[in-house]
């Protein structure tokens, strides 16, 4: 009985640590062109597209501008990369890759990065598993990088990243996105080490 109490106490301590610090997970597919080597991107035109299903952001406190800032922070970690903006009219999902490349070419950009967000926000989970109550943040998104000169696809990543924790401010979903994109770039050899997340706070 004393041993069971000891194991139970250890389990409670472990659960408390996980609950406070959080547990980050992620998955998806990622492609990085094999011929890339830093400095690879140069001046990059960053476009954040609205949610595909037209339902708006899952969390009203996570804005398009915040997602733009979070993704720009990661892209700037690649040596030789600067981030520039394209007009808001180019953020619609109706534009083709060709149209985006042509628009980016007029700005002098070397590459164009398109971030399409499917869903992002925070949630509370109730279930029969232990623990029965959980909370966290999540992001489902796609990142594509196109060469403005050739039109070739350089990076293509479809990601689902999330963090489970009791302390889950909605802006933490931006850190989930940064962690996912950082991982894709590191596996492609474009980043030597993990970029330190610095997501924008809700305005």
C-alpha atoms as a PDB file:
ATOM      1  CA  UNK A   1       0.000   0.000   0.000  1.00  0.00           C
ATOM      2  CA  UNK A   2       2.838   2.386   0.869  1.00  0.00           C
ATOM      3  CA  UNK A   3       4.424   1.649  -2.514  1.00  0.00           C
ATOM      4  CA  UNK A   4       1.152   2.396  -4.310  1.00  0.00           C
ATOM      5  CA  UNK A   5       0.897   5.715  -2.487  1.00  0.00           C
ATOM      6  CA  UNK A   6       4.480   6.510  -3.481  1.00  0.00           C
ATOM      7  CA  UNK A   7       3.782   5.707  -7.126  1.00  0.00           C
ATOM      8  CA  UNK A   8       0.605   7.729  -6.982  1.00  0.00           C
ATOM      9  CA  UNK A   9       2.473  10.706  -5.540  1.00  0.00           C
ATOM     10  CA  UNK A  10       5.160  10.468  -8.225  1.00  0.00           C
ATOM     11  CA  UNK A  11       2.496  10.299 -10.918  1.00  0.00           C
ATOM     12  CA  UNK A  12       0.781  13.382  -9.518  1.00  0.00           C
ATOM     13  CA  UNK A  13       4.068  15.311  -9.528  1.00  0.00           C
ATOM     14  CA  UNK A  14       4.783  14.256 -13.114  1.00  0.00           C
ATOM     15  CA  UNK A  15       1.274  15.205 -14.202  1.00  0.00           C
ATOM     16  CA  UNK A  16       1.620  18.603 -12.512  1.00  0.00           C
ATOM     17  CA  UNK A  17       4.906  19.307 -14.325  1.00  0.00           C
ATOM     18  CA  UNK A  18       3.384  18.415 -17.706  1.00  0.00           C
ATOM     19  CA  UNK A  19       0.294  20.476 -16.985  1.00  0.00           C
ATOM     20  CA  UNK A  20       2.289  23.576 -16.098  1.00  0.00           C
ATOM     21  CA  UNK A  21       5.003  23.338 -18.749  1.00  0.00           C
ATOM     22  CA  UNK A  22       2.880  21.908 -21.537  1.00  0.00           C
ATOM     23  CA  UNK A  23       3.403  19.135 -24.055  1.00  0.00           C
ATOM     24  CA  UNK A  24       4.086  20.152 -27.663  1.00  0.00           C
ATOM     25  CA  UNK A  25       3.280  17.818 -30.565  1.00  0.00           C
ATOM     26  CA  UNK A  26       3.142  18.193 -34.311  1.00  0.00           C
ATOM     27  CA  UNK A  27       3.011  16.363 -37.605  1.00  0.00           C
ATOM     28  CA  UNK A  28       2.473  16.665 -41.314  1.00  0.00           C
ATOM     29  CA  UNK A  29       4.549  16.586 -44.455  1.00  0.00           C
ATOM     30  CA  UNK A  30       7.342  18.865 -45.552  1.00  0.00           C
ATOM     31  CA  UNK A  31       9.339  19.312 -48.752  1.00  0.00           C
ATOM     32  CA  UNK A  32      12.454  21.426 -49.215  1.00  0.00           C
ATOM     33  CA  UNK A  33      14.162  21.532 -52.616  1.00  0.00           C
ATOM     34  CA  UNK A  34      17.463  19.671 -52.398  1.00  0.00           C
ATOM     35  CA  UNK A  35      19.493  22.336 -54.192  1.00  0.00           C
ATOM     36  CA  UNK A  36      18.798  25.056 -51.636  1.00  0.00           C
ATOM     37  CA  UNK A  37      21.631  26.347 -49.489  1.00  0.00           C
ATOM     38  CA  UNK A  38      21.808  29.542 -47.365  1.00  0.00           C
ATOM     39  CA  UNK A  39      21.454  32.294 -48.310  1.00  0.00           C
ATOM     40  CA  UNK A  40      18.482  30.748 -50.068  1.00  0.00           C
ATOM     41  CA  UNK A  41      15.478  33.040 -49.914  1.00  0.00           C
ATOM     42  CA  UNK A  42      16.738  36.623 -50.300  1.00  0.00           C
ATOM     43  CA  UNK A  43      13.954  39.221 -50.304  1.00  0.00           C
ATOM     44  CA  UNK A  44      10.811  37.210 -49.543  1.00  0.00           C
ATOM     45  CA  UNK A  45       7.281  38.493 -50.159  1.00  0.00           C
ATOM     46  CA  UNK A  46       5.113  37.023 -47.379  1.00  0.00           C
ATOM     47  CA  UNK A  47       1.376  36.492 -47.964  1.00  0.00           C
ATOM     48  CA  UNK A  48      -0.995  35.173 -45.271  1.00  0.00           C
ATOM     49  CA  UNK A  49      -4.222  33.848 -46.765  1.00  0.00           C
ATOM     50  CA  UNK A  50      -7.505  33.648 -44.843  1.00  0.00           C
ATOM     51  CA  UNK A  51      -8.968  30.394 -43.616  1.00  0.00           C
ATOM     52  CA  UNK A  52      -9.911  28.035 -46.448  1.00  0.00           C
ATOM     53  CA  UNK A  53     -13.465  27.246 -45.312  1.00  0.00           C
ATOM     54  CA  UNK A  54     -14.400  30.914 -44.890  1.00  0.00           C
ATOM     55  CA  UNK A  55     -15.387  30.434 -41.250  1.00  0.00           C
ATOM     56  CA  UNK A  56     -12.967  33.017 -39.867  1.00  0.00           C
ATOM     57  CA  UNK A  57     -10.301  32.430 -37.247  1.00  0.00           C
ATOM     58  CA  UNK A  58     -11.144  29.905 -34.523  1.00  0.00           C
ATOM     59  CA  UNK A  59      -9.809  32.410 -32.025  1.00  0.00           C
ATOM     60  CA  UNK A  60     -10.807  36.055 -32.604  1.00  0.00           C
ATOM     61  CA  UNK A  61      -7.676  37.140 -30.712  1.00  0.00           C
ATOM     62  CA  UNK A  62      -5.396  35.545 -33.307  1.00  0.00           C
ATOM     63  CA  UNK A  63      -5.248  37.949 -36.229  1.00  0.00           C
ATOM     64  CA  UNK A  64      -3.849  37.802 -39.735  1.00  0.00           C
ATOM     65  CA  UNK A  65      -1.289  40.445 -38.787  1.00  0.00           C
ATOM     66  CA  UNK A  66      -0.075  38.350 -35.837  1.00  0.00           C
ATOM     67  CA  UNK A  67       0.321  35.264 -38.021  1.00  0.00           C
ATOM     68  CA  UNK A  68       2.225  37.347 -40.570  1.00  0.00           C
ATOM     69  CA  UNK A  69       4.583  38.616 -37.849  1.00  0.00           C
ATOM     70  CA  UNK A  70       5.119  35.133 -36.402  1.00  0.00           C
ATOM     71  CA  UNK A  71       5.985  33.562 -39.771  1.00  0.00           C
ATOM     72  CA  UNK A  72       8.209  36.512 -40.711  1.00  0.00           C
ATOM     73  CA  UNK A  73      10.220  35.999 -37.512  1.00  0.00           C
ATOM     74  CA  UNK A  74      11.041  32.415 -38.531  1.00  0.00           C
ATOM     75  CA  UNK A  75      11.849  33.259 -42.166  1.00  0.00           C
ATOM     76  CA  UNK A  76      14.295  35.931 -41.016  1.00  0.00           C
ATOM     77  CA  UNK A  77      16.259  33.227 -39.196  1.00  0.00           C
ATOM     78  CA  UNK A  78      17.398  31.919 -42.616  1.00  0.00           C
ATOM     79  CA  UNK A  79      20.698  33.658 -43.481  1.00  0.00           C
ATOM     80  CA  UNK A  80      20.349  36.401 -46.074  1.00  0.00           C
ATOM     81  CA  UNK A  81      16.544  36.582 -45.836  1.00  0.00           C
ATOM     82  CA  UNK A  82      14.472  39.754 -45.555  1.00  0.00           C
ATOM     83  CA  UNK A  83      10.669  39.889 -45.515  1.00  0.00           C
ATOM     84  CA  UNK A  84       8.582  42.330 -47.546  1.00  0.00           C
ATOM     85  CA  UNK A  85       4.807  42.759 -47.863  1.00  0.00           C
ATOM     86  CA  UNK A  86       2.455  42.422 -50.808  1.00  0.00           C
ATOM     87  CA  UNK A  87      -0.812  44.432 -51.074  1.00  0.00           C
ATOM     88  CA  UNK A  88      -3.841  43.109 -49.097  1.00  0.00           C
ATOM     89  CA  UNK A  89      -5.643  42.409 -52.385  1.00  0.00           C
ATOM     90  CA  UNK A  90      -3.240  39.529 -53.005  1.00  0.00           C
ATOM     91  CA  UNK A  91      -4.238  37.614 -49.876  1.00  0.00           C
ATOM     92  CA  UNK A  92      -7.269  35.944 -51.468  1.00  0.00           C
ATOM     93  CA  UNK A  93      -7.078  32.191 -52.127  1.00  0.00           C
ATOM     94  CA  UNK A  94      -8.420  32.774 -55.666  1.00  0.00           C
ATOM     95  CA  UNK A  95      -5.054  33.947 -56.971  1.00  0.00           C
ATOM     96  CA  UNK A  96      -2.862  31.382 -58.687  1.00  0.00           C
ATOM     97  CA  UNK A  97       0.816  30.782 -57.978  1.00  0.00           C
ATOM     98  CA  UNK A  98       1.605  32.473 -61.288  1.00  0.00           C
ATOM     99  CA  UNK A  99      -0.260  35.648 -60.279  1.00  0.00           C
ATOM    100  CA  UNK A 100       1.518  35.775 -56.919  1.00  0.00           C
ATOM    101  CA  UNK A 101       4.909  35.246 -58.534  1.00  0.00           C
ATOM    102  CA  UNK A 102       4.270  38.020 -61.063  1.00  0.00           C
ATOM    103  CA  UNK A 103       3.135  40.410 -58.308  1.00  0.00           C
ATOM    104  CA  UNK A 104       6.182  39.569 -56.176  1.00  0.00           C
ATOM    105  CA  UNK A 105       8.478  40.087 -59.158  1.00  0.00           C
ATOM    106  CA  UNK A 106       7.326  43.710 -59.412  1.00  0.00           C
ATOM    107  CA  UNK A 107       8.488  44.337 -55.835  1.00  0.00           C
ATOM    108  CA  UNK A 108      11.975  43.005 -56.519  1.00  0.00           C
ATOM    109  CA  UNK A 109      11.431  39.944 -54.321  1.00  0.00           C
ATOM    110  CA  UNK A 110      13.432  36.803 -54.975  1.00  0.00           C
ATOM    111  CA  UNK A 111      10.879  34.454 -53.417  1.00  0.00           C
ATOM    112  CA  UNK A 112       7.229  34.531 -52.344  1.00  0.00           C
ATOM    113  CA  UNK A 113       6.026  32.677 -49.230  1.00  0.00           C
ATOM    114  CA  UNK A 114       2.322  31.803 -49.048  1.00  0.00           C
ATOM    115  CA  UNK A 115       0.878  30.816 -45.657  1.00  0.00           C
ATOM    116  CA  UNK A 116      -2.652  29.390 -45.893  1.00  0.00           C
ATOM    117  CA  UNK A 117      -4.289  28.894 -42.496  1.00  0.00           C
ATOM    118  CA  UNK A 118      -6.997  26.271 -42.163  1.00  0.00           C
ATOM    119  CA  UNK A 119      -7.628  26.688 -38.434  1.00  0.00           C
ATOM    120  CA  UNK A 120      -5.869  28.204 -35.439  1.00  0.00           C
ATOM    121  CA  UNK A 121      -6.817  28.881 -31.843  1.00  0.00           C
ATOM    122  CA  UNK A 122      -7.303  27.285 -28.435  1.00  0.00           C
ATOM    123  CA  UNK A 123      -9.646  24.651 -27.042  1.00  0.00           C
ATOM    124  CA  UNK A 124     -10.707  22.783 -23.922  1.00  0.00           C
ATOM    125  CA  UNK A 125     -11.023  18.984 -24.052  1.00  0.00           C
ATOM    126  CA  UNK A 126     -13.204  16.745 -21.885  1.00  0.00           C
ATOM    127  CA  UNK A 127     -13.064  12.969 -22.169  1.00  0.00           C
ATOM    128  CA  UNK A 128     -12.765   9.594 -20.479  1.00  0.00           C
ATOM    129  CA  UNK A 129      -8.977   9.392 -20.687  1.00  0.00           C
ATOM    130  CA  UNK A 130      -6.614  10.562 -17.948  1.00  0.00           C
ATOM    131  CA  UNK A 131      -6.522  13.428 -17.369  1.00  0.00           C
ATOM    132  CA  UNK A 132     -10.242  13.949 -18.104  1.00  0.00           C
ATOM    133  CA  UNK A 133      -9.787  17.712 -18.512  1.00  0.00           C
ATOM    134  CA  UNK A 134      -7.218  19.273 -20.810  1.00  0.00           C
ATOM    135  CA  UNK A 135      -6.656  22.476 -22.697  1.00  0.00           C
ATOM    136  CA  UNK A 136      -4.292  23.696 -25.344  1.00  0.00           C
ATOM    137  CA  UNK A 137      -3.632  25.546 -28.577  1.00  0.00           C
ATOM    138  CA  UNK A 138      -3.457  24.303 -32.160  1.00  0.00           C
ATOM    139  CA  UNK A 139      -2.718  25.377 -35.728  1.00  0.00           C
ATOM    140  CA  UNK A 140      -3.429  23.689 -39.067  1.00  0.00           C
ATOM    141  CA  UNK A 141      -1.737  25.419 -41.952  1.00  0.00           C
ATOM    142  CA  UNK A 142       0.240  25.150 -45.187  1.00  0.00           C
ATOM    143  CA  UNK A 143       3.446  27.014 -46.071  1.00  0.00           C
ATOM    144  CA  UNK A 144       4.669  27.216 -49.671  1.00  0.00           C
ATOM    145  CA  UNK A 145       7.747  29.052 -50.942  1.00  0.00           C
ATOM    146  CA  UNK A 146       8.077  29.854 -54.656  1.00  0.00           C
ATOM    147  CA  UNK A 147      11.078  31.054 -56.635  1.00  0.00           C
ATOM    148  CA  UNK A 148      10.079  34.330 -58.297  1.00  0.00           C
ATOM    149  CA  UNK A 149      12.527  33.900 -61.184  1.00  0.00           C
ATOM    150  CA  UNK A 150      11.688  30.333 -62.174  1.00  0.00           C
ATOM    151  CA  UNK A 151       8.286  29.805 -60.522  1.00  0.00           C
ATOM    152  CA  UNK A 152       9.561  26.552 -58.994  1.00  0.00           C
ATOM    153  CA  UNK A 153       8.316  25.287 -55.646  1.00  0.00           C
ATOM    154  CA  UNK A 154      11.126  25.515 -53.074  1.00  0.00           C
ATOM    155  CA  UNK A 155       9.322  24.648 -49.828  1.00  0.00           C
ATOM    156  CA  UNK A 156       5.958  22.963 -49.294  1.00  0.00           C
ATOM    157  CA  UNK A 157       4.818  22.064 -45.780  1.00  0.00           C
ATOM    158  CA  UNK A 158       1.377  21.002 -44.555  1.00  0.00           C
ATOM    159  CA  UNK A 159       1.422  21.095 -40.767  1.00  0.00           C
ATOM    160  CA  UNK A 160      -0.648  20.406 -37.678  1.00  0.00           C
ATOM    161  CA  UNK A 161       1.020  21.650 -34.495  1.00  0.00           C
ATOM    162  CA  UNK A 162      -0.423  21.880 -30.995  1.00  0.00           C
ATOM    163  CA  UNK A 163       0.436  22.303 -27.337  1.00  0.00           C
ATOM    164  CA  UNK A 164      -1.456  20.725 -24.423  1.00  0.00           C
ATOM    165  CA  UNK A 165      -1.326  22.713 -21.202  1.00  0.00           C
ATOM    166  CA  UNK A 166      -3.637  24.186 -18.579  1.00  0.00           C
ATOM    167  CA  UNK A 167      -2.191  27.629 -19.169  1.00  0.00           C
ATOM    168  CA  UNK A 168      -3.046  28.171 -22.833  1.00  0.00           C
ATOM    169  CA  UNK A 169      -3.381  31.808 -23.940  1.00  0.00           C
ATOM    170  CA  UNK A 170      -4.656  31.809 -27.562  1.00  0.00           C
ATOM    171  CA  UNK A 171      -1.520  33.544 -28.838  1.00  0.00           C
ATOM    172  CA  UNK A 172       0.437  30.392 -27.987  1.00  0.00           C
ATOM    173  CA  UNK A 173      -0.945  28.945 -31.249  1.00  0.00           C
ATOM    174  CA  UNK A 174       1.442  31.310 -33.018  1.00  0.00           C
ATOM    175  CA  UNK A 175       4.321  29.605 -31.223  1.00  0.00           C
ATOM    176  CA  UNK A 176       2.945  26.282 -32.490  1.00  0.00           C
ATOM    177  CA  UNK A 177       3.173  27.597 -36.063  1.00  0.00           C
ATOM    178  CA  UNK A 178       6.679  28.943 -35.517  1.00  0.00           C
ATOM    179  CA  UNK A 179       7.848  25.622 -34.083  1.00  0.00           C
ATOM    180  CA  UNK A 180       6.427  23.717 -37.062  1.00  0.00           C
ATOM    181  CA  UNK A 181       7.949  25.932 -39.767  1.00  0.00           C
ATOM    182  CA  UNK A 182      11.256  26.046 -37.903  1.00  0.00           C
ATOM    183  CA  UNK A 183      11.351  22.251 -37.895  1.00  0.00           C
ATOM    184  CA  UNK A 184      10.730  22.060 -41.653  1.00  0.00           C
ATOM    185  CA  UNK A 185      13.531  24.532 -42.385  1.00  0.00           C
ATOM    186  CA  UNK A 186      15.960  22.802 -40.013  1.00  0.00           C
ATOM    187  CA  UNK A 187      15.307  19.402 -41.581  1.00  0.00           C
ATOM    188  CA  UNK A 188      15.960  21.005 -44.954  1.00  0.00           C
ATOM    189  CA  UNK A 189      19.343  22.228 -43.720  1.00  0.00           C
ATOM    190  CA  UNK A 190      18.373  25.907 -43.875  1.00  0.00           C
ATOM    191  CA  UNK A 191      18.558  26.514 -40.132  1.00  0.00           C
ATOM    192  CA  UNK A 192      21.370  25.254 -37.940  1.00  0.00           C
ATOM    193  CA  UNK A 193      19.349  25.308 -34.731  1.00  0.00           C
ATOM    194  CA  UNK A 194      15.827  25.942 -33.492  1.00  0.00           C
ATOM    195  CA  UNK A 195      14.723  29.560 -33.734  1.00  0.00           C
ATOM    196  CA  UNK A 196      13.585  31.054 -30.473  1.00  0.00           C
ATOM    197  CA  UNK A 197       9.800  31.655 -30.710  1.00  0.00           C
ATOM    198  CA  UNK A 198       8.711  35.244 -30.353  1.00  0.00           C
ATOM    199  CA  UNK A 199       5.079  35.335 -31.374  1.00  0.00           C
ATOM    200  CA  UNK A 200       3.204  38.626 -31.377  1.00  0.00           C
ATOM    201  CA  UNK A 201       0.780  39.233 -28.530  1.00  0.00           C
ATOM    202  CA  UNK A 202      -2.903  39.972 -29.165  1.00  0.00           C
ATOM    203  CA  UNK A 203      -3.632  43.581 -29.858  1.00  0.00           C
END
